[in-house]
Amino acid sequence: MAIFDGLNFFICGHLGYNTHALANKIESYGGTLSPTFTRKVTHIITTEQEVRKMSSPIVRGTQLGITFVAVRWILDSAKKDHLLDPYDYIIDPQKSAHPSSSRPSAA
């Protein structure tokens, strides 16, 4: 099933997962893994630690409004054989860059 059809991923940083295996998984489910950051990228797979570094792809991705997701979103979606809602897997550059400024939400 092509659950990642139309999605173009870019990996930023060390994910703690084999990049070659991840590329195979993305491609086997219809997605594309871009070796370089381009405007065609729809999702950046990264970690909170990498986002805090504010590397060039993170800054550009933030400016372009690209979604930052944890590798678990790819793995869990593939395991379930359908595209999961990325909400629980999103890495918010604003919160990651300023962890001390995050406040608990009101109940």
Protein backbone atom coordinates (compact mmCIF):
# COMPACT_ATOMS: atom_id res chain seq x y z
CA MET A 1 0.00 0.00 0.00
CA ALA A 2 1.37 3.43 -0.94
CA ILE A 3 0.66 5.21 2.35
CA PHE A 4 3.47 7.72 1.74
CA ASP A 5 2.47 8.43 -1.88
CA GLY A 6 3.19 12.06 -2.73
CA LEU A 7 5.32 12.62 0.38
CA ASN A 8 8.97 13.63 0.09
CA PHE A 9 11.14 13.16 3.16
CA PHE A 10 14.48 14.57 4.19
CA ILE A 11 16.48 13.18 7.12
CA CYS A 12 18.17 15.75 9.34
CA GLY A 13 20.57 14.43 11.96
CA HIS A 14 21.15 11.07 13.61
CA LEU A 15 17.87 9.29 14.21
CA GLY A 16 19.08 6.19 16.00
CA TYR A 17 17.69 4.12 13.13
CA ASN A 18 19.43 2.68 10.09
CA THR A 19 19.07 5.27 7.30
CA HIS A 20 19.25 2.67 4.52
CA ALA A 21 16.49 0.61 6.13
CA LEU A 22 14.40 3.75 6.63
CA ALA A 23 14.85 4.75 2.98
CA ASN A 24 13.74 1.28 1.89
CA LYS A 25 10.67 1.45 4.13
CA ILE A 26 9.67 4.92 2.87
CA GLU A 27 10.12 3.92 -0.77
CA SER A 28 8.35 0.57 -0.36
CA TYR A 29 5.32 2.50 0.89
CA GLY A 30 5.33 4.95 -2.02
CA GLY A 31 7.27 7.87 -0.54
CA THR A 32 10.50 9.52 -1.64
CA LEU A 33 13.60 10.15 0.44
CA SER A 34 15.46 13.22 -0.78
CA PRO A 35 19.26 13.14 -0.34
CA THR A 36 19.30 16.95 -0.20
CA PHE A 37 16.92 19.53 1.19
CA THR A 38 14.81 21.01 -1.60
CA ARG A 39 11.47 22.80 -1.85
CA LYS A 40 9.92 19.45 -2.82
CA VAL A 41 10.45 18.14 0.72
CA THR A 42 7.13 17.76 2.57
CA HIS A 43 8.44 16.33 5.86
CA ILE A 44 11.74 16.50 7.72
CA ILE A 45 12.47 13.43 9.82
CA THR A 46 14.54 14.56 12.79
CA THR A 47 14.89 14.66 16.57
CA GLU A 48 14.28 17.36 19.16
CA GLN A 49 18.02 17.48 19.83
CA GLU A 50 18.70 18.17 16.15
CA VAL A 51 16.05 20.89 16.02
CA ARG A 52 17.69 22.65 18.99
CA LYS A 53 20.89 22.93 16.92
CA MET A 54 18.96 25.04 14.38
CA SER A 55 20.98 23.71 11.43
CA SER A 56 20.37 25.11 7.97
CA PRO A 57 17.69 22.53 6.98
CA ILE A 58 15.84 23.17 10.24
CA VAL A 59 15.88 26.95 9.72
CA ARG A 60 14.81 26.63 6.06
CA GLY A 61 12.16 24.05 6.90
CA THR A 62 10.73 26.33 9.57
CA GLN A 63 10.64 29.25 7.13
CA LEU A 64 8.87 27.09 4.53
CA GLY A 65 6.37 25.65 7.01
CA ILE A 66 7.53 22.07 6.55
CA THR A 67 6.36 19.47 9.05
CA PHE A 68 9.04 18.03 11.35
CA VAL A 69 8.34 14.47 12.46
CA ALA A 70 9.98 11.80 14.57
CA VAL A 71 11.11 8.60 12.85
CA ARG A 72 8.45 6.72 14.88
CA TRP A 73 5.74 8.23 12.64
CA ILE A 74 7.22 6.46 9.62
CA LEU A 75 7.71 3.20 11.48
CA ASP A 76 4.31 3.20 13.18
CA SER A 77 2.46 4.16 9.97
CA ALA A 78 4.20 1.35 8.08
CA LYS A 79 3.42 -1.13 10.86
CA LYS A 80 -0.28 -0.16 10.83
CA ASP A 81 -0.25 -0.08 7.00
CA HIS A 82 -1.95 3.32 6.89
CA LEU A 83 -0.87 6.92 7.34
CA LEU A 84 -1.27 7.84 10.98
CA ASP A 85 -2.12 11.34 12.12
CA PRO A 86 1.29 12.95 12.65
CA TYR A 87 0.06 15.03 15.61
CA ASP A 88 1.71 12.85 18.28
CA TYR A 89 4.92 12.65 16.24
CA ILE A 90 5.43 16.31 15.36
CA ILE A 91 8.56 18.04 16.59
CA ASP A 92 7.76 21.71 16.99
CA PRO A 93 10.84 23.85 16.25
CA GLN A 94 9.49 26.72 18.34
CA LYS A 95 9.07 24.57 21.46
CA SER A 96 12.31 22.65 20.92
CA ALA A 97 14.34 25.81 20.42
CA HIS A 98 12.99 27.38 23.62
CA PRO A 99 12.21 24.51 26.01
CA SER A 100 12.29 26.76 29.08
CA SER A 101 9.55 28.99 27.66
CA SER A 102 7.01 26.20 27.22
CA ARG A 103 4.16 26.41 29.69
CA PRO A 104 1.76 23.67 30.73
CA SER A 105 -1.61 24.01 29.09
CA ALA A 106 -4.55 25.10 31.19
CA ALA A 107 -6.96 22.34 32.15
